[in-house]
N, C-alpha and C. Protein backbone atom coordinates (compact mmCIF):
# COMPACT_ATOMS: atom_id res chain seq x y z
N MET A 1 0.83 -1.19 0.00
CA MET A 1 0.00 0.00 0.00
C MET A 1 0.87 1.25 0.00
N GLY A 2 2.01 1.19 0.67
CA GLY A 2 2.91 2.33 0.68
C GLY A 2 3.49 2.62 -0.68
N LEU A 3 3.75 1.55 -1.46
CA LEU A 3 4.27 1.74 -2.81
C LEU A 3 3.25 2.46 -3.69
N TYR A 4 1.99 2.17 -3.48
CA TYR A 4 0.92 2.85 -4.22
C TYR A 4 0.93 4.35 -3.91
N TYR A 5 1.04 4.70 -2.64
CA TYR A 5 1.05 6.11 -2.26
C TYR A 5 2.28 6.83 -2.83
N VAL A 6 3.43 6.19 -2.76
CA VAL A 6 4.66 6.79 -3.29
C VAL A 6 4.55 6.97 -4.81
N THR A 7 3.98 6.00 -5.50
CA THR A 7 3.82 6.09 -6.94
C THR A 7 2.88 7.22 -7.33
N VAL A 8 1.75 7.32 -6.64
CA VAL A 8 0.77 8.37 -6.95
C VAL A 8 1.33 9.75 -6.62
N ILE A 9 1.96 9.90 -5.48
CA ILE A 9 2.52 11.19 -5.10
C ILE A 9 3.66 11.58 -6.05
N GLY A 10 4.50 10.64 -6.42
CA GLY A 10 5.58 10.91 -7.37
C GLY A 10 5.06 11.32 -8.73
N TYR A 11 4.01 10.65 -9.19
CA TYR A 11 3.41 11.00 -10.47
C TYR A 11 2.81 12.40 -10.41
N MET A 12 2.15 12.75 -9.33
CA MET A 12 1.56 14.07 -9.19
C MET A 12 2.64 15.15 -9.14
N VAL A 13 3.76 14.87 -8.48
CA VAL A 13 4.86 15.84 -8.43
C VAL A 13 5.43 16.05 -9.83
N CYS A 14 5.66 14.98 -10.57
CA CYS A 14 6.17 15.11 -11.94
C CYS A 14 5.19 15.85 -12.84
N LEU A 15 3.91 15.57 -12.69
CA LEU A 15 2.89 16.25 -13.48
C LEU A 15 2.84 17.74 -13.13
N GLY A 16 2.93 18.06 -11.86
CA GLY A 16 2.92 19.47 -11.43
C GLY A 16 4.15 20.23 -11.90
N LEU A 17 5.31 19.59 -11.84
CA LEU A 17 6.53 20.25 -12.32
C LEU A 17 6.48 20.50 -13.82
N SER A 18 6.02 19.52 -14.57
CA SER A 18 5.96 19.71 -16.02
C SER A 18 4.93 20.78 -16.38
N ALA A 19 3.81 20.82 -15.69
CA ALA A 19 2.80 21.85 -15.96
C ALA A 19 3.33 23.23 -15.60
N SER A 20 4.06 23.34 -14.52
CA SER A 20 4.59 24.65 -14.14
C SER A 20 5.65 25.13 -15.13
N PHE A 21 6.49 24.23 -15.64
CA PHE A 21 7.47 24.61 -16.66
C PHE A 21 6.77 25.07 -17.93
N ILE A 22 5.73 24.35 -18.34
CA ILE A 22 5.00 24.73 -19.55
C ILE A 22 4.35 26.09 -19.37
N MET A 23 3.72 26.34 -18.24
CA MET A 23 3.08 27.63 -18.00
C MET A 23 4.11 28.75 -17.91
N TYR A 24 5.27 28.48 -17.35
CA TYR A 24 6.33 29.48 -17.26
C TYR A 24 6.79 29.90 -18.66
N TYR A 25 7.04 28.94 -19.52
CA TYR A 25 7.52 29.27 -20.85
C TYR A 25 6.42 29.88 -21.71
N LEU A 26 5.17 29.50 -21.50
CA LEU A 26 4.08 30.13 -22.24
C LEU A 26 3.89 31.58 -21.83
N THR A 27 4.01 31.88 -20.55
CA THR A 27 3.85 33.27 -20.12
C THR A 27 5.02 34.13 -20.60
N LYS A 28 6.21 33.55 -20.77
CA LYS A 28 7.33 34.29 -21.32
C LYS A 28 7.16 34.51 -22.82
N ALA A 29 6.58 33.55 -23.52
CA ALA A 29 6.43 33.65 -24.97
C ALA A 29 5.32 34.63 -25.35
N PHE A 30 4.21 34.59 -24.63
CA PHE A 30 3.07 35.45 -24.94
C PHE A 30 3.05 36.62 -23.97
N ASP A 31 3.57 37.75 -24.42
CA ASP A 31 3.63 38.95 -23.59
C ASP A 31 2.26 39.63 -23.64
N SER A 32 1.63 39.84 -22.51
CA SER A 32 0.29 40.43 -22.49
C SER A 32 0.30 41.92 -22.79
N LYS A 33 1.45 42.58 -22.70
CA LYS A 33 1.53 44.00 -23.01
C LYS A 33 1.36 44.26 -24.50
N GLN A 34 1.68 43.27 -25.33
CA GLN A 34 1.55 43.46 -26.77
C GLN A 34 0.10 43.48 -27.22
N ALA A 35 -0.80 42.95 -26.42
CA ALA A 35 -2.21 42.92 -26.82
C ALA A 35 -2.78 44.33 -26.91
N THR A 36 -2.39 45.23 -26.02
CA THR A 36 -2.91 46.59 -26.09
C THR A 36 -2.25 47.39 -27.20
N ILE A 37 -1.06 47.01 -27.61
CA ILE A 37 -0.41 47.69 -28.73
C ILE A 37 -1.08 47.30 -30.04
N ILE A 38 -1.37 46.03 -30.22
CA ILE A 38 -1.96 45.54 -31.44
C ILE A 38 -3.44 45.94 -31.52
N ASP A 39 -4.17 45.77 -30.47
CA ASP A 39 -5.59 46.07 -30.43
C ASP A 39 -5.85 46.95 -29.21
N PRO A 40 -5.83 48.28 -29.36
CA PRO A 40 -5.97 49.15 -28.19
C PRO A 40 -7.37 49.05 -27.56
N LYS A 41 -7.42 49.35 -26.30
CA LYS A 41 -8.69 49.29 -25.56
C LYS A 41 -9.60 50.41 -26.06
N PRO A 42 -10.87 50.11 -26.36
CA PRO A 42 -11.77 51.15 -26.85
C PRO A 42 -12.09 52.18 -25.75
N ASP A 43 -12.40 53.41 -26.19
CA ASP A 43 -12.70 54.48 -25.25
C ASP A 43 -14.10 54.37 -24.67
N THR A 44 -15.04 53.85 -25.44
CA THR A 44 -16.43 53.76 -24.98
C THR A 44 -16.79 52.32 -24.67
N ASP A 45 -17.65 52.16 -23.69
CA ASP A 45 -18.20 50.85 -23.32
C ASP A 45 -19.61 50.74 -23.87
N TYR A 46 -19.88 49.64 -24.54
CA TYR A 46 -21.21 49.44 -25.10
C TYR A 46 -21.97 48.44 -24.29
């Protein structure tokens, strides 16, 4: 039973690390400041 817990916890740690690396590189690649340069915020709200 202990091997099951170690396997599941280890898999979750690996999954979390890989997801955090992917999110880190995606946030570096897609700069949110460029969105307002390309498509500026409208002055009026409809």
